């Protein structure tokens, strides 16, 4: 009998073992006495390290900007008032405000008023932005074109939080801001993208004034379906002139077959 066989013999399997293939969640881990099996301890350590990496891996703005340029989209890099990653994590308020010079740069673009300003920020997962931001926008563009909606220059924000989109929306004279941001990583979801919609952006708004689509990723809400949901909400927001708690998701009939 090998050492591996001996070890396997003392692992008590969980009765939910058969369900594990349906989810990435940490269920049915089994046990060895009162402890977890070594394989599960190692898997947890790896997942924890991957989640930490998603927060701390430097934001590759140039790769993102190149992808946006390939879609024919004008884009401009800007930064929040959080000068470092450590400051960003410890001072959320600074991540919500643009550097004053970047406000001036956006206004100096002299762009025409637009229906939608798209803002892409690293947030708490640069991994999510690298994996999902460009393809998600690519899925949205033909939907916007079908309604004749104009899209302004895209702001690419380092160390940004959701509310920074309000200031950018004002500077770009946008009717609505679509903020794409890396969500806080979980142990099984380090690449989750969040999309926040705000009609009539202006500083001082709260999360009650926004709509959110969460967990956009291949293993969660798949990009084409997320784009259809976002498009429905954007179209209704512009029509009703509102977002937030007063705009309910009633779009099931408009979504493509899954």
C-alpha atoms as a PDB file:
ATOM      1  CA  UNK A   1       0.000   0.000   0.000  1.00  0.00           C
ATOM      2  CA  UNK A   2       1.459   3.363  -1.012  1.00  0.00           C
ATOM      3  CA  UNK A   3       1.685   6.373   1.238  1.00  0.00           C
ATOM      4  CA  UNK A   4      -0.911   8.153  -0.945  1.00  0.00           C
ATOM      5  CA  UNK A   5      -3.332   5.252  -0.529  1.00  0.00           C
ATOM      6  CA  UNK A   6      -2.875   5.275   3.230  1.00  0.00           C
ATOM      7  CA  UNK A   7      -3.584   9.000   3.307  1.00  0.00           C
ATOM      8  CA  UNK A   8      -6.666   8.634   1.118  1.00  0.00           C
ATOM      9  CA  UNK A   9      -8.020   5.867   3.380  1.00  0.00           C
ATOM     10  CA  UNK A  10      -8.273   8.220   6.362  1.00  0.00           C
ATOM     11  CA  UNK A  11     -10.070  11.030   4.520  1.00  0.00           C
ATOM     12  CA  UNK A  12     -13.758  11.101   5.423  1.00  0.00           C
ATOM     13  CA  UNK A  13     -15.660  12.227   2.332  1.00  0.00           C
ATOM     14  CA  UNK A  14     -18.518  14.686   2.561  1.00  0.00           C
ATOM     15  CA  UNK A  15     -21.973  13.460   1.449  1.00  0.00           C
ATOM     16  CA  UNK A  16     -22.196  16.518  -0.838  1.00  0.00           C
ATOM     17  CA  UNK A  17     -19.092  15.413  -2.738  1.00  0.00           C
ATOM     18  CA  UNK A  18     -21.078  14.859  -5.960  1.00  0.00           C
ATOM     19  CA  UNK A  19     -22.196  18.503  -5.950  1.00  0.00           C
ATOM     20  CA  UNK A  20     -18.670  19.933  -6.081  1.00  0.00           C
ATOM     21  CA  UNK A  21     -18.467  19.620  -9.854  1.00  0.00           C
ATOM     22  CA  UNK A  22     -21.286  22.168 -10.168  1.00  0.00           C
ATOM     23  CA  UNK A  23     -19.608  25.041  -8.290  1.00  0.00           C
ATOM     24  CA  UNK A  24     -16.258  26.658  -7.534  1.00  0.00           C
ATOM     25  CA  UNK A  25     -17.427  27.345  -3.984  1.00  0.00           C
ATOM     26  CA  UNK A  26     -15.607  25.637  -1.111  1.00  0.00           C
ATOM     27  CA  UNK A  27     -18.109  22.917  -0.261  1.00  0.00           C
ATOM     28  CA  UNK A  28     -17.822  19.187   0.503  1.00  0.00           C
ATOM     29  CA  UNK A  29     -14.155  19.444   1.426  1.00  0.00           C
ATOM     30  CA  UNK A  30     -14.033  16.271   3.482  1.00  0.00           C
ATOM     31  CA  UNK A  31     -12.026  15.889   6.660  1.00  0.00           C
ATOM     32  CA  UNK A  32      -9.176  14.018   8.284  1.00  0.00           C
ATOM     33  CA  UNK A  33     -10.118  13.632  11.906  1.00  0.00           C
ATOM     34  CA  UNK A  34     -11.085  17.155  12.963  1.00  0.00           C
ATOM     35  CA  UNK A  35      -9.013  18.823  10.212  1.00  0.00           C
ATOM     36  CA  UNK A  36      -9.192  19.449   6.489  1.00  0.00           C
ATOM     37  CA  UNK A  37      -7.376  17.136   4.086  1.00  0.00           C
ATOM     38  CA  UNK A  38      -3.931  18.394   3.091  1.00  0.00           C
ATOM     39  CA  UNK A  39      -5.067  18.833  -0.527  1.00  0.00           C
ATOM     40  CA  UNK A  40      -7.806  21.220   0.586  1.00  0.00           C
ATOM     41  CA  UNK A  41      -5.453  23.205   2.808  1.00  0.00           C
ATOM     42  CA  UNK A  42      -3.095  23.634  -0.138  1.00  0.00           C
ATOM     43  CA  UNK A  43      -5.990  24.560  -2.445  1.00  0.00           C
ATOM     44  CA  UNK A  44      -7.137  27.222   0.045  1.00  0.00           C
ATOM     45  CA  UNK A  45      -3.611  28.646   0.318  1.00  0.00           C
ATOM     46  CA  UNK A  46      -3.338  28.880  -3.458  1.00  0.00           C
ATOM     47  CA  UNK A  47      -6.751  30.559  -3.786  1.00  0.00           C
ATOM     48  CA  UNK A  48      -5.864  33.050  -1.065  1.00  0.00           C
ATOM     49  CA  UNK A  49      -2.578  33.917  -2.755  1.00  0.00           C
ATOM     50  CA  UNK A  50      -4.310  34.345  -6.111  1.00  0.00           C
ATOM     51  CA  UNK A  51      -6.869  36.692  -4.557  1.00  0.00           C
ATOM     52  CA  UNK A  52      -4.108  38.800  -2.996  1.00  0.00           C
ATOM     53  CA  UNK A  53      -2.301  38.927  -6.323  1.00  0.00           C
ATOM     54  CA  UNK A  54      -5.457  40.209  -8.046  1.00  0.00           C
ATOM     55  CA  UNK A  55      -5.450  43.204  -5.697  1.00  0.00           C
ATOM     56  CA  UNK A  56      -1.739  43.969  -5.897  1.00  0.00           C
ATOM     57  CA  UNK A  57      -0.673  43.083  -9.461  1.00  0.00           C
ATOM     58  CA  UNK A  58       0.135  46.412 -11.175  1.00  0.00           C
ATOM     59  CA  UNK A  59      -2.571  47.740 -13.465  1.00  0.00           C
ATOM     60  CA  UNK A  60      -1.412  47.381 -17.086  1.00  0.00           C
ATOM     61  CA  UNK A  61      -3.000  50.553 -18.447  1.00  0.00           C
ATOM     62  CA  UNK A  62      -1.095  50.451 -21.703  1.00  0.00           C
ATOM     63  CA  UNK A  63      -2.325  46.961 -22.621  1.00  0.00           C
ATOM     64  CA  UNK A  64      -5.885  48.030 -21.832  1.00  0.00           C
ATOM     65  CA  UNK A  65      -5.539  51.216 -23.861  1.00  0.00           C
ATOM     66  CA  UNK A  66      -4.152  49.244 -26.803  1.00  0.00           C
ATOM     67  CA  UNK A  67      -7.185  46.958 -26.682  1.00  0.00           C
ATOM     68  CA  UNK A  68      -9.540  49.929 -26.606  1.00  0.00           C
ATOM     69  CA  UNK A  69      -7.702  51.548 -29.517  1.00  0.00           C
ATOM     70  CA  UNK A  70      -8.117  48.327 -31.492  1.00  0.00           C
ATOM     71  CA  UNK A  71     -11.876  48.793 -31.036  1.00  0.00           C
ATOM     72  CA  UNK A  72     -11.535  52.302 -32.504  1.00  0.00           C
ATOM     73  CA  UNK A  73     -12.179  53.995 -29.164  1.00  0.00           C
ATOM     74  CA  UNK A  74     -10.433  57.149 -28.051  1.00  0.00           C
ATOM     75  CA  UNK A  75      -9.154  56.770 -24.491  1.00  0.00           C
ATOM     76  CA  UNK A  76      -7.215  58.784 -21.958  1.00  0.00           C
ATOM     77  CA  UNK A  77      -5.307  57.629 -18.832  1.00  0.00           C
ATOM     78  CA  UNK A  78      -6.118  59.406 -15.578  1.00  0.00           C
ATOM     79  CA  UNK A  79      -5.491  58.758 -11.883  1.00  0.00           C
ATOM     80  CA  UNK A  80      -7.275  59.179  -8.602  1.00  0.00           C
ATOM     81  CA  UNK A  81      -5.866  61.161  -5.718  1.00  0.00           C
ATOM     82  CA  UNK A  82      -4.607  57.900  -4.171  1.00  0.00           C
ATOM     83  CA  UNK A  83      -0.929  58.143  -5.079  1.00  0.00           C
ATOM     84  CA  UNK A  84      -0.051  54.515  -4.269  1.00  0.00           C
ATOM     85  CA  UNK A  85      -1.733  51.149  -3.929  1.00  0.00           C
ATOM     86  CA  UNK A  86      -1.305  51.225  -0.162  1.00  0.00           C
ATOM     87  CA  UNK A  87      -2.953  54.655   0.010  1.00  0.00           C
ATOM     88  CA  UNK A  88      -5.757  53.414  -2.230  1.00  0.00           C
ATOM     89  CA  UNK A  89      -6.479  50.513   0.119  1.00  0.00           C
ATOM     90  CA  UNK A  90      -6.313  52.573   3.302  1.00  0.00           C
ATOM     91  CA  UNK A  91      -7.991  55.781   2.033  1.00  0.00           C
ATOM     92  CA  UNK A  92     -11.095  54.920  -0.029  1.00  0.00           C
ATOM     93  CA  UNK A  93     -12.069  58.600  -0.123  1.00  0.00           C
ATOM     94  CA  UNK A  94      -9.005  59.463  -2.228  1.00  0.00           C
ATOM     95  CA  UNK A  95      -9.883  56.757  -4.740  1.00  0.00           C
ATOM     96  CA  UNK A  96     -13.192  58.522  -5.382  1.00  0.00           C
ATOM     97  CA  UNK A  97     -11.633  61.789  -6.576  1.00  0.00           C
ATOM     98  CA  UNK A  98      -9.613  62.618  -9.673  1.00  0.00           C
ATOM     99  CA  UNK A  99      -6.366  64.499  -9.535  1.00  0.00           C
ATOM    100  CA  UNK A 100      -7.181  68.156 -10.296  1.00  0.00           C
ATOM    101  CA  UNK A 101      -4.839  68.153 -13.290  1.00  0.00           C
ATOM    102  CA  UNK A 102      -6.674  65.164 -14.751  1.00  0.00           C
ATOM    103  CA  UNK A 103     -10.002  66.956 -14.430  1.00  0.00           C
ATOM    104  CA  UNK A 104      -8.470  69.743 -16.512  1.00  0.00           C
ATOM    105  CA  UNK A 105      -7.112  67.231 -19.044  1.00  0.00           C
ATOM    106  CA  UNK A 106     -10.551  65.710 -19.562  1.00  0.00           C
ATOM    107  CA  UNK A 107     -12.185  69.109 -20.012  1.00  0.00           C
ATOM    108  CA  UNK A 108      -9.412  70.165 -22.390  1.00  0.00           C
ATOM    109  CA  UNK A 109     -10.338  67.333 -24.757  1.00  0.00           C
ATOM    110  CA  UNK A 110     -13.157  69.571 -25.937  1.00  0.00           C
ATOM    111  CA  UNK A 111     -15.284  66.533 -26.729  1.00  0.00           C
ATOM    112  CA  UNK A 112     -18.943  66.942 -27.634  1.00  0.00           C
ATOM    113  CA  UNK A 113     -21.612  66.012 -25.065  1.00  0.00           C
ATOM    114  CA  UNK A 114     -22.300  62.278 -25.240  1.00  0.00           C
ATOM    115  CA  UNK A 115     -24.943  59.801 -24.182  1.00  0.00           C
ATOM    116  CA  UNK A 116     -22.525  57.460 -22.423  1.00  0.00           C
ATOM    117  CA  UNK A 117     -19.119  57.909 -20.818  1.00  0.00           C
ATOM    118  CA  UNK A 118     -17.347  54.617 -20.182  1.00  0.00           C
ATOM    119  CA  UNK A 119     -14.873  54.584 -17.309  1.00  0.00           C
ATOM    120  CA  UNK A 120     -12.561  51.626 -16.664  1.00  0.00           C
ATOM    121  CA  UNK A 121     -10.840  51.426 -13.269  1.00  0.00           C
ATOM    122  CA  UNK A 122      -8.615  48.767 -11.748  1.00  0.00           C
ATOM    123  CA  UNK A 123     -10.559  48.782  -8.477  1.00  0.00           C
ATOM    124  CA  UNK A 124      -9.721  45.798  -6.304  1.00  0.00           C
ATOM    125  CA  UNK A 125      -8.811  43.414  -9.131  1.00  0.00           C
ATOM    126  CA  UNK A 126      -6.565  44.363 -12.017  1.00  0.00           C
ATOM    127  CA  UNK A 127      -6.951  40.700 -13.038  1.00  0.00           C
ATOM    128  CA  UNK A 128     -10.652  41.263 -13.712  1.00  0.00           C
ATOM    129  CA  UNK A 129      -9.982  44.284 -15.908  1.00  0.00           C
ATOM    130  CA  UNK A 130      -7.285  42.517 -17.924  1.00  0.00           C
ATOM    131  CA  UNK A 131      -9.545  39.526 -18.554  1.00  0.00           C
ATOM    132  CA  UNK A 132     -12.925  41.142 -19.156  1.00  0.00           C
ATOM    133  CA  UNK A 133     -13.015  44.897 -19.798  1.00  0.00           C
ATOM    134  CA  UNK A 134     -12.183  45.026 -23.524  1.00  0.00           C
ATOM    135  CA  UNK A 135     -14.331  42.041 -24.602  1.00  0.00           C
ATOM    136  CA  UNK A 136     -17.262  43.347 -22.535  1.00  0.00           C
ATOM    137  CA  UNK A 137     -17.046  46.751 -24.219  1.00  0.00           C
ATOM    138  CA  UNK A 138     -16.742  45.018 -27.597  1.00  0.00           C
ATOM    139  CA  UNK A 139     -20.048  43.237 -26.909  1.00  0.00           C
ATOM    140  CA  UNK A 140     -21.698  46.548 -25.969  1.00  0.00           C
ATOM    141  CA  UNK A 141     -20.639  48.657 -28.954  1.00  0.00           C
ATOM    142  CA  UNK A 142     -22.970  47.109 -31.577  1.00  0.00           C
ATOM    143  CA  UNK A 143     -25.861  47.371 -29.109  1.00  0.00           C
ATOM    144  CA  UNK A 144     -25.156  51.077 -28.614  1.00  0.00           C
ATOM    145  CA  UNK A 145     -24.903  51.559 -32.377  1.00  0.00           C
ATOM    146  CA  UNK A 146     -28.297  49.903 -32.869  1.00  0.00           C
ATOM    147  CA  UNK A 147     -29.865  52.685 -30.771  1.00  0.00           C
ATOM    148  CA  UNK A 148     -27.683  55.490 -32.122  1.00  0.00           C
ATOM    149  CA  UNK A 149     -26.122  56.122 -28.705  1.00  0.00           C
ATOM    150  CA  UNK A 150     -22.935  58.189 -28.656  1.00  0.00           C
ATOM    151  CA  UNK A 151     -19.925  57.146 -26.567  1.00  0.00           C
ATOM    152  CA  UNK A 152     -17.406  59.691 -25.338  1.00  0.00           C
ATOM    153  CA  UNK A 153     -13.663  59.214 -24.785  1.00  0.00           C
ATOM    154  CA  UNK A 154     -12.987  56.349 -22.396  1.00  0.00           C
ATOM    155  CA  UNK A 155     -11.245  57.237 -19.144  1.00  0.00           C
ATOM    156  CA  UNK A 156      -8.786  54.604 -17.910  1.00  0.00           C
ATOM    157  CA  UNK A 157      -8.352  55.163 -14.175  1.00  0.00           C
ATOM    158  CA  UNK A 158      -5.598  53.915 -11.914  1.00  0.00           C
ATOM    159  CA  UNK A 159      -6.510  53.393  -8.242  1.00  0.00           C
ATOM    160  CA  UNK A 160     -10.112  54.339  -8.880  1.00  0.00           C
ATOM    161  CA  UNK A 161     -13.325  53.612  -7.000  1.00  0.00           C
ATOM    162  CA  UNK A 162     -16.889  53.685  -8.300  1.00  0.00           C
ATOM    163  CA  UNK A 163     -17.733  57.291  -7.403  1.00  0.00           C
ATOM    164  CA  UNK A 164     -14.834  58.671  -9.435  1.00  0.00           C
ATOM    165  CA  UNK A 165     -17.020  58.083 -12.481  1.00  0.00           C
ATOM    166  CA  UNK A 166     -19.325  60.920 -11.392  1.00  0.00           C
ATOM    167  CA  UNK A 167     -16.561  63.501 -11.691  1.00  0.00           C
ATOM    168  CA  UNK A 168     -15.478  62.067 -15.035  1.00  0.00           C
ATOM    169  CA  UNK A 169     -19.045  62.117 -16.336  1.00  0.00           C
ATOM    170  CA  UNK A 170     -19.340  65.817 -15.560  1.00  0.00           C
ATOM    171  CA  UNK A 171     -16.028  66.596 -17.257  1.00  0.00           C
ATOM    172  CA  UNK A 172     -17.075  64.681 -20.399  1.00  0.00           C
ATOM    173  CA  UNK A 173     -20.627  66.104 -20.417  1.00  0.00           C
ATOM    174  CA  UNK A 174     -22.176  62.636 -20.376  1.00  0.00           C
ATOM    175  CA  UNK A 175     -25.825  61.857 -19.783  1.00  0.00           C
ATOM    176  CA  UNK A 176     -24.882  58.538 -18.188  1.00  0.00           C
ATOM    177  CA  UNK A 177     -21.689  56.932 -16.867  1.00  0.00           C
ATOM    178  CA  UNK A 178     -20.908  53.239 -17.233  1.00  0.00           C
ATOM    179  CA  UNK A 179     -18.181  52.394 -14.724  1.00  0.00           C
ATOM    180  CA  UNK A 180     -16.336  49.092 -15.195  1.00  0.00           C
ATOM    181  CA  UNK A 181     -14.285  48.133 -12.162  1.00  0.00           C
ATOM    182  CA  UNK A 182     -12.488  45.119 -10.727  1.00  0.00           C
ATOM    183  CA  UNK A 183     -14.513  43.713  -7.857  1.00  0.00           C
ATOM    184  CA  UNK A 184     -13.149  42.555  -4.530  1.00  0.00           C
ATOM    185  CA  UNK A 185     -11.748  39.074  -5.272  1.00  0.00           C
ATOM    186  CA  UNK A 186     -13.088  35.982  -3.551  1.00  0.00           C
ATOM    187  CA  UNK A 187     -11.324  32.675  -3.100  1.00  0.00           C
ATOM    188  CA  UNK A 188     -13.028  31.284  -6.203  1.00  0.00           C
ATOM    189  CA  UNK A 189     -13.585  34.499  -8.178  1.00  0.00           C
ATOM    190  CA  UNK A 190     -10.505  36.653  -8.622  1.00  0.00           C
ATOM    191  CA  UNK A 191     -11.521  37.968 -12.071  1.00  0.00           C
ATOM    192  CA  UNK A 192     -14.986  39.353 -11.363  1.00  0.00           C
ATOM    193  CA  UNK A 193     -15.893  42.570 -13.190  1.00  0.00           C
ATOM    194  CA  UNK A 194     -18.526  44.976 -11.885  1.00  0.00           C
ATOM    195  CA  UNK A 195     -20.529  47.400 -14.044  1.00  0.00           C
ATOM    196  CA  UNK A 196     -22.119  50.459 -12.396  1.00  0.00           C
ATOM    197  CA  UNK A 197     -24.592  52.723 -14.206  1.00  0.00           C
ATOM    198  CA  UNK A 198     -25.266  56.288 -13.081  1.00  0.00           C
ATOM    199  CA  UNK A 199     -27.659  58.651 -14.849  1.00  0.00           C
ATOM    200  CA  UNK A 200     -26.964  62.370 -14.509  1.00  0.00           C
ATOM    201  CA  UNK A 201     -23.523  61.900 -12.926  1.00  0.00           C
ATOM    202  CA  UNK A 202     -22.358  64.534 -10.477  1.00  0.00           C
ATOM    203  CA  UNK A 203     -20.237  64.500  -7.306  1.00  0.00           C
ATOM    204  CA  UNK A 204     -22.151  63.626  -4.154  1.00  0.00           C
ATOM    205  CA  UNK A 205     -24.299  60.804  -5.487  1.00  0.00           C
ATOM    206  CA  UNK A 206     -24.594  57.593  -3.448  1.00  0.00           C
ATOM    207  CA  UNK A 207     -24.846  53.944  -4.397  1.00  0.00           C
ATOM    208  CA  UNK A 208     -28.629  54.268  -4.148  1.00  0.00           C
ATOM    209  CA  UNK A 209     -28.386  56.361  -7.342  1.00  0.00           C
ATOM    210  CA  UNK A 210     -26.697  53.572  -9.308  1.00  0.00           C
ATOM    211  CA  UNK A 211     -27.503  50.196 -10.814  1.00  0.00           C
ATOM    212  CA  UNK A 212     -24.940  47.430 -10.531  1.00  0.00           C
ATOM    213  CA  UNK A 213     -24.278  44.283 -12.527  1.00  0.00           C
ATOM    214  CA  UNK A 214     -21.869  42.042 -10.652  1.00  0.00           C
ATOM    215  CA  UNK A 215     -19.779  38.900 -11.201  1.00  0.00           C
ATOM    216  CA  UNK A 216     -19.177  39.463 -14.916  1.00  0.00           C
ATOM    217  CA  UNK A 217     -16.746  36.716 -15.962  1.00  0.00           C
ATOM    218  CA  UNK A 218     -16.643  33.428 -17.832  1.00  0.00           C
ATOM    219  CA  UNK A 219     -17.400  31.398 -14.706  1.00  0.00           C
ATOM    220  CA  UNK A 220     -20.113  33.791 -13.535  1.00  0.00           C
ATOM    221  CA  UNK A 221     -22.417  36.082 -15.532  1.00  0.00           C
ATOM    222  CA  UNK A 222     -21.057  35.544 -19.027  1.00  0.00           C
ATOM    223  CA  UNK A 223     -20.065  38.620 -21.009  1.00  0.00           C
ATOM    224  CA  UNK A 224     -22.736  38.535 -23.784  1.00  0.00           C
ATOM    225  CA  UNK A 225     -25.512  38.136 -21.219  1.00  0.00           C
ATOM    226  CA  UNK A 226     -24.023  40.862 -19.005  1.00  0.00           C
ATOM    227  CA  UNK A 227     -23.800  43.179 -22.026  1.00  0.00           C
ATOM    228  CA  UNK A 228     -27.469  42.549 -22.844  1.00  0.00           C
ATOM    229  CA  UNK A 229     -28.456  43.343 -19.254  1.00  0.00           C
ATOM    230  CA  UNK A 230     -26.322  46.498 -19.222  1.00  0.00           C
ATOM    231  CA  UNK A 231     -27.747  47.656 -22.544  1.00  0.00           C
ATOM    232  CA  UNK A 232     -31.322  47.187 -21.361  1.00  0.00           C
ATOM    233  CA  UNK A 233     -30.622  49.169 -18.197  1.00  0.00           C
ATOM    234  CA  UNK A 234     -28.812  51.926 -20.097  1.00  0.00           C
ATOM    235  CA  UNK A 235     -31.600  52.280 -22.646  1.00  0.00           C
ATOM    236  CA  UNK A 236     -34.241  52.430 -19.909  1.00  0.00           C
ATOM    237  CA  UNK A 237     -32.151  54.814 -17.808  1.00  0.00           C
ATOM    238  CA  UNK A 238     -31.824  57.282 -20.683  1.00  0.00           C
ATOM    239  CA  UNK A 239     -35.511  56.958 -21.478  1.00  0.00           C
ATOM    240  CA  UNK A 240     -36.710  57.354 -17.877  1.00  0.00           C
ATOM    241  CA  UNK A 241     -33.908  59.743 -16.860  1.00  0.00           C
ATOM    242  CA  UNK A 242     -32.943  57.843 -13.731  1.00  0.00           C
ATOM    243  CA  UNK A 243     -30.876  55.004 -12.317  1.00  0.00           C
ATOM    244  CA  UNK A 244     -30.692  53.432  -8.888  1.00  0.00           C
ATOM    245  CA  UNK A 245     -33.402  52.058  -6.648  1.00  0.00           C
ATOM    246  CA  UNK A 246     -36.155  53.462  -8.881  1.00  0.00           C
ATOM    247  CA  UNK A 247     -34.949  51.531 -11.942  1.00  0.00           C
ATOM    248  CA  UNK A 248     -35.833  47.866 -11.542  1.00  0.00           C
ATOM    249  CA  UNK A 249     -34.550  45.065 -13.716  1.00  0.00           C
ATOM    250  CA  UNK A 250     -37.486  43.948 -15.839  1.00  0.00           C
ATOM    251  CA  UNK A 251     -35.460  42.919 -18.856  1.00  0.00           C
ATOM    252  CA  UNK A 252     -35.829  39.132 -18.874  1.00  0.00           C
ATOM    253  CA  UNK A 253     -37.808  39.079 -22.111  1.00  0.00           C
ATOM    254  CA  UNK A 254     -35.119  41.161 -23.816  1.00  0.00           C
ATOM    255  CA  UNK A 255     -32.239  38.823 -22.973  1.00  0.00           C
ATOM    256  CA  UNK A 256     -30.892  36.285 -25.458  1.00  0.00           C
ATOM    257  CA  UNK A 257     -31.418  32.584 -24.927  1.00  0.00           C
ATOM    258  CA  UNK A 258     -28.758  31.168 -22.588  1.00  0.00           C
END
